[in-house]
Full PDB file with SEQRES, HELIX, SHEET, SSBOND, CRYST1, ORIGX, SCALE, CONECT and MASTER records, all heavy atoms in Angstrom:
SEQRES   1 A   33  LEU VAL PHE ILE ASP PRO PRO PHE GLU ASN THR ASP GLU          
SEQRES   2 A   33  PHE ALA LEU LEU LEU GLN HIS LEU GLN LEU ALA LEU GLN          
SEQRES   3 A   33  ARG PHE SER SER GLY VAL TYR                                  
HELIX    1 AA1 GLU A   13  ARG A   27  1                                  15    
CRYST1    1.000    1.000    1.000  90.00  90.00  90.00 P 1           1          
ORIGX1      1.000000  0.000000  0.000000        0.00000                         
ORIGX2      0.000000  1.000000  0.000000        0.00000                         
ORIGX3      0.000000  0.000000  1.000000        0.00000                         
SCALE1      1.000000  0.000000  0.000000        0.00000                         
SCALE2      0.000000  1.000000  0.000000        0.00000                         
SCALE3      0.000000  0.000000  1.000000        0.00000                         
ATOM      1  N   LEU A   1     -13.334   5.160  -3.945  1.00  0.00           N  
ATOM      2  CA  LEU A   1     -12.357   6.025  -4.593  1.00  0.00           C  
ATOM      3  C   LEU A   1     -11.003   5.754  -3.953  1.00  0.00           C  
ATOM      4  O   LEU A   1     -10.854   5.845  -2.727  1.00  0.00           O  
ATOM      5  CB  LEU A   1     -12.739   7.501  -4.415  1.00  0.00           C  
ATOM      6  CG  LEU A   1     -11.692   8.555  -4.785  1.00  0.00           C  
ATOM      7  CD1 LEU A   1     -11.289   8.449  -6.245  1.00  0.00           C  
ATOM      8  CD2 LEU A   1     -12.213   9.960  -4.467  1.00  0.00           C  
ATOM      9  N   VAL A   2     -10.023   5.416  -4.773  1.00  0.00           N  
ATOM     10  CA  VAL A   2      -8.657   5.167  -4.306  1.00  0.00           C  
ATOM     11  C   VAL A   2      -7.790   6.329  -4.782  1.00  0.00           C  
ATOM     12  O   VAL A   2      -7.645   6.551  -5.990  1.00  0.00           O  
ATOM     13  CB  VAL A   2      -8.116   3.833  -4.853  1.00  0.00           C  
ATOM     14  CG1 VAL A   2      -6.711   3.570  -4.307  1.00  0.00           C  
ATOM     15  CG2 VAL A   2      -9.059   2.681  -4.504  1.00  0.00           C  
ATOM     16  N   PHE A   3      -7.237   7.072  -3.828  1.00  0.00           N  
ATOM     17  CA  PHE A   3      -6.388   8.213  -4.149  1.00  0.00           C  
ATOM     18  C   PHE A   3      -4.942   7.803  -3.918  1.00  0.00           C  
ATOM     19  O   PHE A   3      -4.554   7.471  -2.788  1.00  0.00           O  
ATOM     20  CB  PHE A   3      -6.758   9.416  -3.283  1.00  0.00           C  
ATOM     21  CG  PHE A   3      -5.970  10.664  -3.603  1.00  0.00           C  
ATOM     22  CD1 PHE A   3      -5.862  11.127  -4.896  1.00  0.00           C  
ATOM     23  CD2 PHE A   3      -5.344  11.370  -2.585  1.00  0.00           C  
ATOM     24  CE1 PHE A   3      -5.140  12.279  -5.184  1.00  0.00           C  
ATOM     25  CE2 PHE A   3      -4.628  12.526  -2.858  1.00  0.00           C  
ATOM     26  CZ  PHE A   3      -4.519  12.980  -4.165  1.00  0.00           C  
ATOM     27  N   ILE A   4      -4.141   7.842  -4.975  1.00  0.00           N  
ATOM     28  CA  ILE A   4      -2.751   7.387  -4.933  1.00  0.00           C  
ATOM     29  C   ILE A   4      -1.850   8.588  -5.207  1.00  0.00           C  
ATOM     30  O   ILE A   4      -1.826   9.127  -6.314  1.00  0.00           O  
ATOM     31  CB  ILE A   4      -2.508   6.276  -5.975  1.00  0.00           C  
ATOM     32  CG1 ILE A   4      -3.545   5.155  -5.812  1.00  0.00           C  
ATOM     33  CG2 ILE A   4      -1.098   5.722  -5.849  1.00  0.00           C  
ATOM     34  CD1 ILE A   4      -3.537   4.138  -6.935  1.00  0.00           C  
ATOM     35  N   ASP A   5      -1.113   8.999  -4.188  1.00  0.00           N  
ATOM     36  CA  ASP A   5      -0.325  10.235  -4.264  1.00  0.00           C  
ATOM     37  C   ASP A   5       1.075   9.978  -3.706  1.00  0.00           C  
ATOM     38  O   ASP A   5       1.431  10.469  -2.639  1.00  0.00           O  
ATOM     39  CB  ASP A   5      -1.052  11.332  -3.469  1.00  0.00           C  
ATOM     40  CG  ASP A   5      -0.345  12.668  -3.524  1.00  0.00           C  
ATOM     41  OD1 ASP A   5       0.520  12.853  -4.390  1.00  0.00           O  
ATOM     42  OD2 ASP A   5      -0.657  13.539  -2.683  1.00  0.00           O  
ATOM     43  N   PRO A   6       1.896   9.205  -4.435  1.00  0.00           N  
ATOM     44  CA  PRO A   6       3.218   8.849  -3.911  1.00  0.00           C  
ATOM     45  C   PRO A   6       4.165  10.042  -3.918  1.00  0.00           C  
ATOM     46  O   PRO A   6       3.986  10.997  -4.686  1.00  0.00           O  
ATOM     47  CB  PRO A   6       3.708   7.774  -4.906  1.00  0.00           C  
ATOM     48  CG  PRO A   6       2.532   7.442  -5.773  1.00  0.00           C  
ATOM     49  CD  PRO A   6       1.643   8.630  -5.759  1.00  0.00           C  
ATOM     50  N   PRO A   7       5.216   9.994  -3.089  1.00  0.00           N  
ATOM     51  CA  PRO A   7       6.206  11.073  -3.092  1.00  0.00           C  
ATOM     52  C   PRO A   7       7.156  11.023  -4.283  1.00  0.00           C  
ATOM     53  O   PRO A   7       7.912  11.964  -4.513  1.00  0.00           O  
ATOM     54  CB  PRO A   7       6.961  10.856  -1.782  1.00  0.00           C  
ATOM     55  CG  PRO A   7       6.821   9.400  -1.507  1.00  0.00           C  
ATOM     56  CD  PRO A   7       5.443   9.025  -2.003  1.00  0.00           C  
ATOM     57  N   PHE A   8       7.144   9.922  -5.013  1.00  0.00           N  
ATOM     58  CA  PHE A   8       8.026   9.748  -6.168  1.00  0.00           C  
ATOM     59  C   PHE A   8       9.495   9.899  -5.782  1.00  0.00           C  
ATOM     60  O   PHE A   8      10.280  10.551  -6.466  1.00  0.00           O  
ATOM     61  CB  PHE A   8       7.646  10.707  -7.304  1.00  0.00           C  
ATOM     62  CG  PHE A   8       6.495  10.190  -8.134  1.00  0.00           C  
ATOM     63  CD1 PHE A   8       5.187  10.421  -7.736  1.00  0.00           C  
ATOM     64  CD2 PHE A   8       6.721   9.439  -9.279  1.00  0.00           C  
ATOM     65  CE1 PHE A   8       4.124   9.920  -8.462  1.00  0.00           C  
ATOM     66  CE2 PHE A   8       5.670   8.938 -10.020  1.00  0.00           C  
ATOM     67  CZ  PHE A   8       4.364   9.181  -9.622  1.00  0.00           C  
ATOM     68  N   GLU A   9       9.854   9.283  -4.675  1.00  0.00           N  
ATOM     69  CA  GLU A   9      11.263   9.176  -4.299  1.00  0.00           C  
ATOM     70  C   GLU A   9      11.940   8.041  -5.062  1.00  0.00           C  
ATOM     71  O   GLU A   9      13.134   8.100  -5.336  1.00  0.00           O  
ATOM     72  CB  GLU A   9      11.391   8.922  -2.793  1.00  0.00           C  
ATOM     73  CG  GLU A   9      11.121  10.132  -1.932  1.00  0.00           C  
ATOM     74  CD  GLU A   9      11.443   9.845  -0.476  1.00  0.00           C  
ATOM     75  OE1 GLU A   9      10.874   8.919   0.099  1.00  0.00           O  
ATOM     76  OE2 GLU A   9      12.275  10.577   0.066  1.00  0.00           O  
ATOM     77  N   ASN A  10      11.179   7.003  -5.376  1.00  0.00           N  
ATOM     78  CA  ASN A  10      11.735   5.847  -6.077  1.00  0.00           C  
ATOM     79  C   ASN A  10      11.845   6.142  -7.569  1.00  0.00           C  
ATOM     80  O   ASN A  10      10.916   6.675  -8.184  1.00  0.00           O  
ATOM     81  CB  ASN A  10      10.845   4.612  -5.878  1.00  0.00           C  
ATOM     82  CG  ASN A  10      10.742   4.205  -4.428  1.00  0.00           C  
ATOM     83  OD1 ASN A  10      11.734   4.199  -3.709  1.00  0.00           O  
ATOM     84  ND2 ASN A  10       9.537   3.876  -3.984  1.00  0.00           N  
ATOM     85  N   THR A  11      12.962   5.783  -8.152  1.00  0.00           N  
ATOM     86  CA  THR A  11      13.146   6.008  -9.584  1.00  0.00           C  
ATOM     87  C   THR A  11      12.229   5.114 -10.420  1.00  0.00           C  
ATOM     88  O   THR A  11      11.973   5.409 -11.588  1.00  0.00           O  
ATOM     89  CB  THR A  11      14.608   5.746  -9.993  1.00  0.00           C  
ATOM     90  OG1 THR A  11      14.975   4.411  -9.603  1.00  0.00           O  
ATOM     91  CG2 THR A  11      15.538   6.742  -9.309  1.00  0.00           C  
ATOM     92  N   ASP A  12      11.734   4.026  -9.820  1.00  0.00           N  
ATOM     93  CA  ASP A  12      10.850   3.106 -10.546  1.00  0.00           C  
ATOM     94  C   ASP A  12       9.394   3.269 -10.125  1.00  0.00           C  
ATOM     95  O   ASP A  12       8.598   2.338 -10.238  1.00  0.00           O  
ATOM     96  CB  ASP A  12      11.293   1.657 -10.336  1.00  0.00           C  
ATOM     97  CG  ASP A  12      11.231   1.223  -8.868  1.00  0.00           C  
ATOM     98  OD1 ASP A  12      11.156   2.128  -7.990  1.00  0.00           O  
ATOM     99  OD2 ASP A  12      11.256   0.008  -8.608  1.00  0.00           O  
ATOM    100  N   GLU A  13       9.012   4.478  -9.656  1.00  0.00           N  
ATOM    101  CA  GLU A  13       7.656   4.684  -9.138  1.00  0.00           C  
ATOM    102  C   GLU A  13       6.586   4.424 -10.187  1.00  0.00           C  
ATOM    103  O   GLU A  13       5.525   3.858  -9.894  1.00  0.00           O  
ATOM    104  CB  GLU A  13       7.499   6.101  -8.592  1.00  0.00           C  
ATOM    105  CG  GLU A  13       6.295   6.276  -7.681  1.00  0.00           C  
ATOM    106  CD  GLU A  13       6.476   5.608  -6.333  1.00  0.00           C  
ATOM    107  OE1 GLU A  13       7.421   5.952  -5.606  1.00  0.00           O  
ATOM    108  OE2 GLU A  13       5.653   4.722  -5.999  1.00  0.00           O  
ATOM    109  N   PHE A  14       6.819   4.836 -11.422  1.00  0.00           N  
ATOM    110  CA  PHE A  14       5.825   4.604 -12.468  1.00  0.00           C  
ATOM    111  C   PHE A  14       5.608   3.108 -12.690  1.00  0.00           C  
ATOM    112  O   PHE A  14       4.476   2.655 -12.894  1.00  0.00           O  
ATOM    113  CB  PHE A  14       6.251   5.274 -13.774  1.00  0.00           C  
ATOM    114  CG  PHE A  14       5.991   6.753 -13.824  1.00  0.00           C  
ATOM    115  CD1 PHE A  14       7.006   7.638 -14.116  1.00  0.00           C  
ATOM    116  CD2 PHE A  14       4.722   7.266 -13.568  1.00  0.00           C  
ATOM    117  CE1 PHE A  14       6.776   9.014 -14.163  1.00  0.00           C  
ATOM    118  CE2 PHE A  14       4.480   8.630 -13.602  1.00  0.00           C  
ATOM    119  CZ  PHE A  14       5.512   9.498 -13.903  1.00  0.00           C  
ATOM    120  N   ALA A  15       6.692   2.340 -12.648  1.00  0.00           N  
ATOM    121  CA  ALA A  15       6.569   0.891 -12.808  1.00  0.00           C  
ATOM    122  C   ALA A  15       5.797   0.282 -11.644  1.00  0.00           C  
ATOM    123  O   ALA A  15       4.948  -0.610 -11.834  1.00  0.00           O  
ATOM    124  CB  ALA A  15       7.953   0.253 -12.920  1.00  0.00           C  
ATOM    125  N   LEU A  16       6.070   0.754 -10.418  1.00  0.00           N  
ATOM    126  CA  LEU A  16       5.335   0.278  -9.242  1.00  0.00           C  
ATOM    127  C   LEU A  16       3.855   0.617  -9.357  1.00  0.00           C  
ATOM    128  O   LEU A  16       2.987  -0.208  -9.038  1.00  0.00           O  
ATOM    129  CB  LEU A  16       5.915   0.912  -7.974  1.00  0.00           C  
ATOM    130  CG  LEU A  16       7.268   0.400  -7.492  1.00  0.00           C  
ATOM    131  CD1 LEU A  16       7.799   1.277  -6.370  1.00  0.00           C  
ATOM    132  CD2 LEU A  16       7.144  -1.051  -7.024  1.00  0.00           C  
ATOM    133  N   LEU A  17       3.570   1.829  -9.798  1.00  0.00           N  
ATOM    134  CA  LEU A  17       2.183   2.251  -9.973  1.00  0.00           C  
ATOM    135  C   LEU A  17       1.441   1.316 -10.915  1.00  0.00           C  
ATOM    136  O   LEU A  17       0.338   0.841 -10.607  1.00  0.00           O  
ATOM    137  CB  LEU A  17       2.138   3.672 -10.532  1.00  0.00           C  
ATOM    138  CG  LEU A  17       2.101   4.823  -9.547  1.00  0.00           C  
ATOM    139  CD1 LEU A  17       2.275   6.149 -10.276  1.00  0.00           C  
ATOM    140  CD2 LEU A  17       0.788   4.818  -8.781  1.00  0.00           C  
ATOM    141  N   LEU A  18       2.027   1.064 -12.062  1.00  0.00           N  
ATOM    142  CA  LEU A  18       1.360   0.224 -13.053  1.00  0.00           C  
ATOM    143  C   LEU A  18       1.147  -1.190 -12.520  1.00  0.00           C  
ATOM    144  O   LEU A  18       0.058  -1.764 -12.654  1.00  0.00           O  
ATOM    145  CB  LEU A  18       2.177   0.192 -14.343  1.00  0.00           C  
ATOM    146  CG  LEU A  18       1.599  -0.647 -15.476  1.00  0.00           C  
ATOM    147  CD1 LEU A  18       0.179  -0.199 -15.824  1.00  0.00           C  
ATOM    148  CD2 LEU A  18       2.491  -0.577 -16.706  1.00  0.00           C  
ATOM    149  N   GLN A  19       2.173  -1.736 -11.886  1.00  0.00           N  
ATOM    150  CA  GLN A  19       2.079  -3.092 -11.342  1.00  0.00           C  
ATOM    151  C   GLN A  19       0.938  -3.213 -10.333  1.00  0.00           C  
ATOM    152  O   GLN A  19       0.109  -4.133 -10.419  1.00  0.00           O  
ATOM    153  CB  GLN A  19       3.405  -3.467 -10.678  1.00  0.00           C  
ATOM    154  CG  GLN A  19       3.379  -4.798  -9.946  1.00  0.00           C  
ATOM    155  CD  GLN A  19       4.639  -5.011  -9.112  1.00  0.00           C  
ATOM    156  OE1 GLN A  19       5.635  -4.299  -9.258  1.00  0.00           O  
ATOM    157  NE2 GLN A  19       4.600  -5.978  -8.217  1.00  0.00           N  
ATOM    158  N   HIS A  20       0.854  -2.265  -9.419  1.00  0.00           N  
ATOM    159  CA  HIS A  20      -0.136  -2.365  -8.349  1.00  0.00           C  
ATOM    160  C   HIS A  20      -1.524  -1.920  -8.803  1.00  0.00           C  
ATOM    161  O   HIS A  20      -2.534  -2.379  -8.256  1.00  0.00           O  
ATOM    162  CB  HIS A  20       0.330  -1.579  -7.132  1.00  0.00           C  
ATOM    163  CG  HIS A  20       1.508  -2.209  -6.446  1.00  0.00           C  
ATOM    164  ND1 HIS A  20       1.379  -3.312  -5.634  1.00  0.00           N  
ATOM    165  CD2 HIS A  20       2.835  -1.922  -6.488  1.00  0.00           C  
ATOM    166  CE1 HIS A  20       2.562  -3.667  -5.175  1.00  0.00           C  
ATOM    167  NE2 HIS A  20       3.464  -2.841  -5.686  1.00  0.00           N  
ATOM    168  N   LEU A  21      -1.576  -1.069  -9.799  1.00  0.00           N  
ATOM    169  CA  LEU A  21      -2.876  -0.731 -10.389  1.00  0.00           C  
ATOM    170  C   LEU A  21      -3.501  -1.956 -11.030  1.00  0.00           C  
ATOM    171  O   LEU A  21      -4.711  -2.212 -10.870  1.00  0.00           O  
ATOM    172  CB  LEU A  21      -2.717   0.374 -11.430  1.00  0.00           C  
ATOM    173  CG  LEU A  21      -2.753   1.813 -10.946  1.00  0.00           C  
ATOM    174  CD1 LEU A  21      -2.423   2.760 -12.096  1.00  0.00           C  
ATOM    175  CD2 LEU A  21      -4.121   2.148 -10.358  1.00  0.00           C  
ATOM    176  N   GLN A  22      -2.709  -2.706 -11.757  1.00  0.00           N  
ATOM    177  CA  GLN A  22      -3.231  -3.908 -12.409  1.00  0.00           C  
ATOM    178  C   GLN A  22      -3.746  -4.908 -11.378  1.00  0.00           C  
ATOM    179  O   GLN A  22      -4.817  -5.514 -11.560  1.00  0.00           O  
ATOM    180  CB  GLN A  22      -2.140  -4.536 -13.284  1.00  0.00           C  
ATOM    181  CG  GLN A  22      -1.825  -3.725 -14.527  1.00  0.00           C  
ATOM    182  CD  GLN A  22      -0.679  -4.311 -15.334  1.00  0.00           C  
ATOM    183  OE1 GLN A  22       0.435  -4.482 -14.808  1.00  0.00           O  
ATOM    184  NE2 GLN A  22      -0.923  -4.630 -16.577  1.00  0.00           N  
ATOM    185  N   LEU A  23      -3.003  -5.068 -10.282  1.00  0.00           N  
ATOM    186  CA  LEU A  23      -3.439  -5.985  -9.226  1.00  0.00           C  
ATOM    187  C   LEU A  23      -4.710  -5.476  -8.550  1.00  0.00           C  
ATOM    188  O   LEU A  23      -5.635  -6.258  -8.275  1.00  0.00           O  
ATOM    189  CB  LEU A  23      -2.326  -6.156  -8.192  1.00  0.00           C  
ATOM    190  CG  LEU A  23      -1.056  -6.867  -8.665  1.00  0.00           C  
ATOM    191  CD1 LEU A  23       0.027  -6.801  -7.595  1.00  0.00           C  
ATOM    192  CD2 LEU A  23      -1.362  -8.323  -9.023  1.00  0.00           C  
ATOM    193  N   ALA A  24      -4.767  -4.172  -8.290  1.00  0.00           N  
ATOM    194  CA  ALA A  24      -5.934  -3.599  -7.630  1.00  0.00           C  
ATOM    195  C   ALA A  24      -7.178  -3.732  -8.494  1.00  0.00           C  
ATOM    196  O   ALA A  24      -8.267  -4.043  -7.994  1.00  0.00           O  
ATOM    197  CB  ALA A  24      -5.675  -2.136  -7.302  1.00  0.00           C  
ATOM    198  N   LEU A  25      -7.029  -3.518  -9.779  1.00  0.00           N  
ATOM    199  CA  LEU A  25      -8.178  -3.595 -10.683  1.00  0.00           C  
ATOM    200  C   LEU A  25      -8.685  -5.021 -10.834  1.00  0.00           C  
ATOM    201  O   LEU A  25      -9.861  -5.241 -11.138  1.00  0.00           O  
ATOM    202  CB  LEU A  25      -7.814  -2.999 -12.043  1.00  0.00           C  
ATOM    203  CG  LEU A  25      -7.780  -1.463 -12.054  1.00  0.00           C  
ATOM    204  CD1 LEU A  25      -6.987  -0.946 -13.241  1.00  0.00           C  
ATOM    205  CD2 LEU A  25      -9.205  -0.911 -12.083  1.00  0.00           C  
ATOM    206  N   GLN A  26      -7.818  -5.994 -10.616  1.00  0.00           N  
ATOM    207  CA  GLN A  26      -8.277  -7.383 -10.603  1.00  0.00           C  
ATOM    208  C   GLN A  26      -9.196  -7.637  -9.419  1.00  0.00           C  
ATOM    209  O   GLN A  26     -10.140  -8.429  -9.500  1.00  0.00           O  
ATOM    210  CB  GLN A  26      -7.076  -8.330 -10.543  1.00  0.00           C  
ATOM    211  CG  GLN A  26      -6.248  -8.365 -11.818  1.00  0.00           C  
ATOM    212  CD  GLN A  26      -5.004  -9.229 -11.678  1.00  0.00           C  
ATOM    213  OE1 GLN A  26      -4.847  -9.970 -10.692  1.00  0.00           O  
ATOM    214  NE2 GLN A  26      -4.108  -9.147 -12.645  1.00  0.00           N  
ATOM    215  N   ARG A  27      -8.956  -6.935  -8.314  1.00  0.00           N  
ATOM    216  CA  ARG A  27      -9.741  -7.109  -7.097  1.00  0.00           C  
ATOM    217  C   ARG A  27     -10.971  -6.197  -7.089  1.00  0.00           C  
ATOM    218  O   ARG A  27     -11.999  -6.549  -6.526  1.00  0.00           O  
ATOM    219  CB  ARG A  27      -8.878  -6.823  -5.862  1.00  0.00           C  
ATOM    220  CG  ARG A  27      -7.629  -7.660  -5.773  1.00  0.00           C  
ATOM    221  CD  ARG A  27      -6.725  -7.221  -4.627  1.00  0.00           C  
ATOM    222  NE  ARG A  27      -7.356  -7.432  -3.334  1.00  0.00           N  
ATOM    223  CZ  ARG A  27      -7.303  -8.569  -2.648  1.00  0.00           C  
ATOM    224  NH1 ARG A  27      -6.630  -9.601  -3.148  1.00  0.00           N  
ATOM    225  NH2 ARG A  27      -7.900  -8.682  -1.484  1.00  0.00           N  
ATOM    226  N   PHE A  28     -10.830  -5.016  -7.698  1.00  0.00           N  
ATOM    227  CA  PHE A  28     -11.876  -3.996  -7.602  1.00  0.00           C  
ATOM    228  C   PHE A  28     -11.934  -3.236  -8.934  1.00  0.00           C  
ATOM    229  O   PHE A  28     -11.493  -2.103  -9.036  1.00  0.00           O  
ATOM    230  CB  PHE A  28     -11.559  -3.062  -6.439  1.00  0.00           C  
ATOM    231  CG  PHE A  28     -12.630  -2.056  -6.112  1.00  0.00           C  
ATOM    232  CD1 PHE A  28     -13.985  -2.379  -6.183  1.00  0.00           C  
ATOM    233  CD2 PHE A  28     -12.279  -0.777  -5.709  1.00  0.00           C  
ATOM    234  CE1 PHE A  28     -14.965  -1.442  -5.878  1.00  0.00           C  
ATOM    235  CE2 PHE A  28     -13.255   0.167  -5.392  1.00  0.00           C  
ATOM    236  CZ  PHE A  28     -14.598  -0.177  -5.480  1.00  0.00           C  
ATOM    237  N   SER A  29     -12.503  -3.894  -9.921  1.00  0.00           N  
ATOM    238  CA  SER A  29     -12.473  -3.362 -11.292  1.00  0.00           C  
ATOM    239  C   SER A  29     -13.372  -2.151 -11.475  1.00  0.00           C  
ATOM    240  O   SER A  29     -13.146  -1.335 -12.376  1.00  0.00           O  
ATOM    241  CB  SER A  29     -12.870  -4.453 -12.285  1.00  0.00           C  
ATOM    242  OG  SER A  29     -14.197  -4.911 -12.024  1.00  0.00           O  
ATOM    243  N   SER A  30     -14.397  -1.991 -10.641  1.00  0.00           N  
ATOM    244  CA  SER A  30     -15.348  -0.894 -10.812  1.00  0.00           C  
ATOM    245  C   SER A  30     -14.972   0.349 -10.015  1.00  0.00           C  
ATOM    246  O   SER A  30     -15.656   1.376 -10.097  1.00  0.00           O  
ATOM    247  CB  SER A  30     -16.751  -1.344 -10.387  1.00  0.00           C  
ATOM    248  OG  SER A  30     -16.770  -1.703  -9.017  1.00  0.00           O  
ATOM    249  N   GLY A  31     -13.896   0.286  -9.243  1.00  0.00           N  
ATOM    250  CA  GLY A  31     -13.511   1.418  -8.411  1.00  0.00           C  
ATOM    251  C   GLY A  31     -13.012   2.601  -9.219  1.00  0.00           C  
ATOM    252  O   GLY A  31     -12.559   2.452 -10.365  1.00  0.00           O  
ATOM    253  N   VAL A  32     -13.099   3.770  -8.613  1.00  0.00           N  
ATOM    254  CA  VAL A  32     -12.530   4.984  -9.199  1.00  0.00           C  
ATOM    255  C   VAL A  32     -11.128   5.149  -8.617  1.00  0.00           C  
ATOM    256  O   VAL A  32     -10.949   5.132  -7.395  1.00  0.00           O  
ATOM    257  CB  VAL A  32     -13.389   6.221  -8.885  1.00  0.00           C  
ATOM    258  CG1 VAL A  32     -12.757   7.475  -9.487  1.00  0.00           C  
ATOM    259  CG2 VAL A  32     -14.814   6.030  -9.390  1.00  0.00           C  
ATOM    260  N   TYR A  33     -10.139   5.297  -9.477  1.00  0.00           N  
ATOM    261  CA  TYR A  33      -8.750   5.457  -9.051  1.00  0.00           C  
ATOM    262  C   TYR A  33      -8.238   6.807  -9.547  1.00  0.00           C  
ATOM    263  O   TYR A  33      -8.355   7.127 -10.740  1.00  0.00           O  
ATOM    264  CB  TYR A  33      -7.861   4.348  -9.626  1.00  0.00           C  
ATOM    265  CG  TYR A  33      -8.207   2.964  -9.138  1.00  0.00           C  
ATOM    266  CD1 TYR A  33      -9.291   2.261  -9.680  1.00  0.00           C  
ATOM    267  CD2 TYR A  33      -7.459   2.338  -8.150  1.00  0.00           C  
ATOM    268  CE1 TYR A  33      -9.622   0.987  -9.242  1.00  0.00           C  
ATOM    269  CE2 TYR A  33      -7.778   1.059  -7.707  1.00  0.00           C  
ATOM    270  CZ  TYR A  33      -8.865   0.394  -8.250  1.00  0.00           C  
ATOM    271  OH  TYR A  33      -9.191  -0.872  -7.820  1.00  0.00           O  
TER     272      TYR A  33                                                      
MASTER        0    0    0    1    0    0    0    6  271    1    0    3          
END                                                                             
């Protein structure tokens, strides 16, 4: 289980989330996020 709870200080946080989610799922596609 990967728990992602950013402070959302960055104005581009949603873009960062999507980018790194895609990379993480390539490595661990069956994980719970």
